[in-house]
Protein backbone atom coordinates (compact mmCIF):
# COMPACT_ATOMS: atom_id res chain seq x y z
CA MET A 1 13.92 25.83 -8.19
CA GLY A 2 10.63 24.35 -9.21
CA ARG A 3 7.53 23.85 -7.15
CA PHE A 4 7.22 20.58 -5.22
CA ILE A 5 4.40 18.48 -6.67
CA TRP A 6 2.91 16.58 -3.76
CA HIS A 7 0.74 14.15 -5.68
CA ASP A 8 3.66 12.91 -7.79
CA TRP A 9 5.76 12.36 -4.68
CA ALA A 10 2.86 10.61 -2.92
CA ARG A 11 2.36 8.45 -6.00
CA PHE A 12 5.95 7.20 -5.92
CA VAL A 13 5.72 6.56 -2.17
CA ALA A 14 2.45 4.65 -2.69
CA ILE A 15 4.03 2.53 -5.43
CA SER A 16 6.96 1.71 -3.12
CA ALA A 17 4.61 0.92 -0.22
CA SER A 18 2.48 -1.34 -2.42
CA VAL A 19 5.44 -3.29 -3.76
CA TYR A 20 6.72 -3.68 -0.21
CA LEU A 21 3.25 -4.79 0.95
CA ILE A 22 3.04 -7.46 -1.74
CA TRP A 23 6.47 -8.75 -0.76
CA ALA A 24 5.59 -8.61 2.94
CA ALA A 25 2.33 -10.49 2.34
CA ILE A 26 4.22 -13.28 0.60
CA TRP A 27 6.56 -13.54 3.58
CA GLY A 28 3.57 -13.21 5.91
CA ILE A 29 1.99 -16.25 4.31
CA LEU A 30 5.21 -18.23 4.74
CA TYR A 31 6.00 -17.02 8.29
CA ARG A 32 2.72 -16.18 10.01
CA LYS A 33 2.88 -13.91 13.05
CA PHE A 34 0.40 -11.57 14.71
CA PHE A 35 2.03 -8.17 15.24
CA PHE A 36 0.29 -7.28 18.51
CA ASP A 37 0.97 -10.53 20.34
CA PHE A 38 3.17 -8.65 22.80
CA ILE A 39 0.12 -6.92 24.33
CA ASP A 40 -1.15 -9.91 26.31
CA HIS A 41 2.23 -11.67 26.53
CA THR A 42 1.02 -14.49 24.28
CA TYR A 43 4.02 -14.78 22.05
CA THR A 44 3.41 -17.09 19.14
CA SER A 45 6.05 -18.46 16.90
CA GLY A 46 3.64 -18.09 14.04
CA THR A 47 3.01 -21.76 13.59
CA PRO A 48 0.04 -23.74 14.94
CA PRO A 49 -0.83 -24.95 17.55
CA LEU A 50 -2.05 -21.68 19.01
CA PRO A 51 -2.29 -21.03 22.76
CA ALA A 52 -5.45 -22.49 24.31
CA LYS A 53 -6.57 -19.38 26.19
CA CYS A 54 -5.95 -16.26 24.17
CA PRO A 55 -8.07 -13.06 24.18
CA VAL A 56 -7.30 -12.39 20.51
CA GLN A 57 -8.09 -15.92 19.34
CA ALA A 58 -10.36 -14.75 16.48
CA ILE A 59 -7.67 -12.46 15.08
CA LEU A 60 -5.08 -15.20 15.37
CA GLU A 61 -7.34 -17.50 13.35
CA PHE A 62 -7.36 -15.03 10.43
CA ILE A 63 -3.64 -14.29 10.57
CA VAL A 64 -1.83 -17.35 11.87
CA ARG A 65 -3.96 -20.39 11.12
CA VAL A 66 -5.50 -19.20 7.80
CA PRO A 67 -3.63 -16.25 6.22
CA VAL A 68 -6.75 -14.28 5.22
CA VAL A 69 -5.31 -10.92 6.25
CA GLN A 70 -2.12 -11.49 4.27
CA VAL A 71 -4.06 -12.41 1.12
CA VAL A 72 -6.36 -9.38 1.48
CA ALA A 73 -3.32 -7.15 2.01
CA MET A 74 -1.66 -8.60 -1.09
CA ILE A 75 -4.78 -7.93 -3.16
CA MET A 76 -4.93 -4.36 -1.85
CA GLY A 77 -1.27 -3.91 -2.77
CA PHE A 78 -1.93 -5.12 -6.33
CA VAL A 79 -4.97 -2.81 -6.63
CA THR A 80 -2.98 0.18 -5.39
CA LEU A 81 -0.17 -0.68 -7.77
CA ALA A 82 -2.67 -0.95 -10.64
CA PHE A 83 -4.12 2.52 -10.16
CA GLU A 84 -0.86 4.22 -9.20
CA TYR A 85 1.32 2.86 -11.96
CA PRO A 86 -1.40 3.01 -13.77
CA ALA A 87 -2.65 -0.07 -15.55
CA PRO A 88 -3.78 0.69 -19.13
CA PHE A 89 -7.44 -0.05 -18.37
CA LEU A 90 -7.41 2.41 -15.43
CA LYS A 91 -5.85 5.43 -17.14
CA GLY A 92 -8.03 8.49 -16.75
CA THR A 93 -10.59 6.78 -14.50
CA PHE A 94 -11.93 8.06 -11.20
CA MET A 95 -9.72 5.72 -9.17
CA GLN A 96 -6.59 6.93 -10.88
CA ARG A 97 -7.30 10.68 -10.83
CA ASN A 98 -9.03 11.30 -7.48
CA PHE A 99 -6.61 12.03 -4.63
CA THR A 100 -9.27 11.67 -1.92
CA PHE A 101 -10.12 8.15 -3.08
CA LYS A 102 -6.43 7.27 -3.09
CA THR A 103 -6.01 8.68 0.42
CA VAL A 104 -8.89 6.64 1.83
CA PHE A 105 -7.76 3.48 0.05
CA LEU A 106 -4.19 3.92 1.31
CA VAL A 107 -5.45 4.31 4.89
CA PHE A 108 -7.43 1.05 4.54
CA GLN A 109 -4.34 -0.59 3.06
CA ALA A 110 -2.29 0.63 6.01
CA MET A 111 -4.80 -0.65 8.55
CA THR A 112 -4.80 -4.06 6.89
CA SER A 113 -1.03 -4.28 6.70
CA VAL A 114 -0.40 -3.42 10.35
CA LEU A 115 -2.20 -6.58 11.49
CA PHE A 116 0.57 -8.95 10.50
CA TYR A 117 4.18 -8.69 11.56
CA GLN A 118 5.82 -8.35 8.14
CA GLY A 119 3.51 -5.51 7.04
CA THR A 120 4.61 -2.85 9.52
CA ASN A 121 6.85 -0.95 7.08
CA ALA A 122 4.13 -1.03 4.43
CA PHE A 123 1.82 0.42 7.09
CA LEU A 124 4.13 3.36 7.69
CA TRP A 125 4.79 4.08 4.01
CA SER A 126 1.11 3.80 3.11
CA LEU A 127 0.28 6.38 5.77
CA ILE A 128 3.07 8.65 4.53
CA ALA A 129 1.67 8.41 0.99
CA ALA A 130 -1.82 9.20 2.33
CA VAL A 131 -0.41 12.30 4.05
CA GLY A 132 1.20 13.33 0.76
CA TYR A 133 -2.11 13.03 -1.07
CA THR A 134 -3.84 14.93 1.74
CA ARG A 135 -1.33 17.73 1.35
CA ALA A 136 -1.93 17.74 -2.42
CA VAL A 137 -5.67 18.12 -1.83
CA MET A 138 -5.06 20.93 0.68
CA LEU A 139 -2.92 22.79 -1.85
CA GLY A 140 -5.53 22.34 -4.57
CA GLU A 141 -3.43 20.18 -6.86
CA VAL A 142 -5.34 18.42 -9.62
CA MET A 143 -4.38 15.75 -12.11
CA SER A 144 -5.45 16.71 -15.59
CA LEU A 145 -6.79 14.12 -17.99
CA GLU A 146 -3.75 14.54 -20.24
CA GLU A 147 -1.39 14.11 -17.30
CA SER A 148 -3.18 10.97 -16.16
CA GLN A 149 -3.02 9.37 -19.60
CA ASP A 150 0.57 10.36 -20.41
CA LYS A 151 2.01 9.39 -17.03
CA ILE A 152 5.55 8.05 -17.33
CA THR A 153 6.74 6.48 -14.13
CA THR A 154 10.48 6.71 -14.47
CA ALA A 155 12.72 9.58 -15.42
CA TRP A 156 14.97 7.49 -17.65
CA ALA A 157 11.97 6.38 -19.74
CA GLY A 158 10.98 10.01 -20.23
CA ALA A 159 14.53 10.93 -21.22
CA ALA A 160 14.68 8.00 -23.64
CA LEU A 161 11.42 9.03 -25.26
CA THR A 162 12.49 12.65 -25.73
CA ALA A 163 15.91 11.66 -27.10
CA GLN A 164 14.46 9.77 -30.05
CA PRO A 165 14.26 11.68 -33.37
């Protein structure tokens, strides 16, 4: 058996969480709902008009009336996808190679995604990916420059490349 490589596993989890977050943000724009509306028993259907007296009125403005949080979450999902996949212009850069940066960014992504109803699964998977990167840092794993530039994201692509003469 080989050794488990935490940063590769966390990378795949982060890619999955980011794709889910982008999809959830699209649905969050279409069907707007504040996740924590059950706290004060102000259940909103997600469509204006909002309740007149609501202690979380400011948050509801940014989630229900104008989908600012969903758009920010979608942008964060695209950024995470760009440095995890990685995009050609990010290969070998600080953002793509530093696990601590990825951990902090994934925690911010998780905190943004938990604010709207559709982003709860992206919240959980982003935190799980952050834990995976934290474990990689604790074990002293590093991503070499060659590894970061030759990163192939799927096993079948790697097999297809090695099978060619």
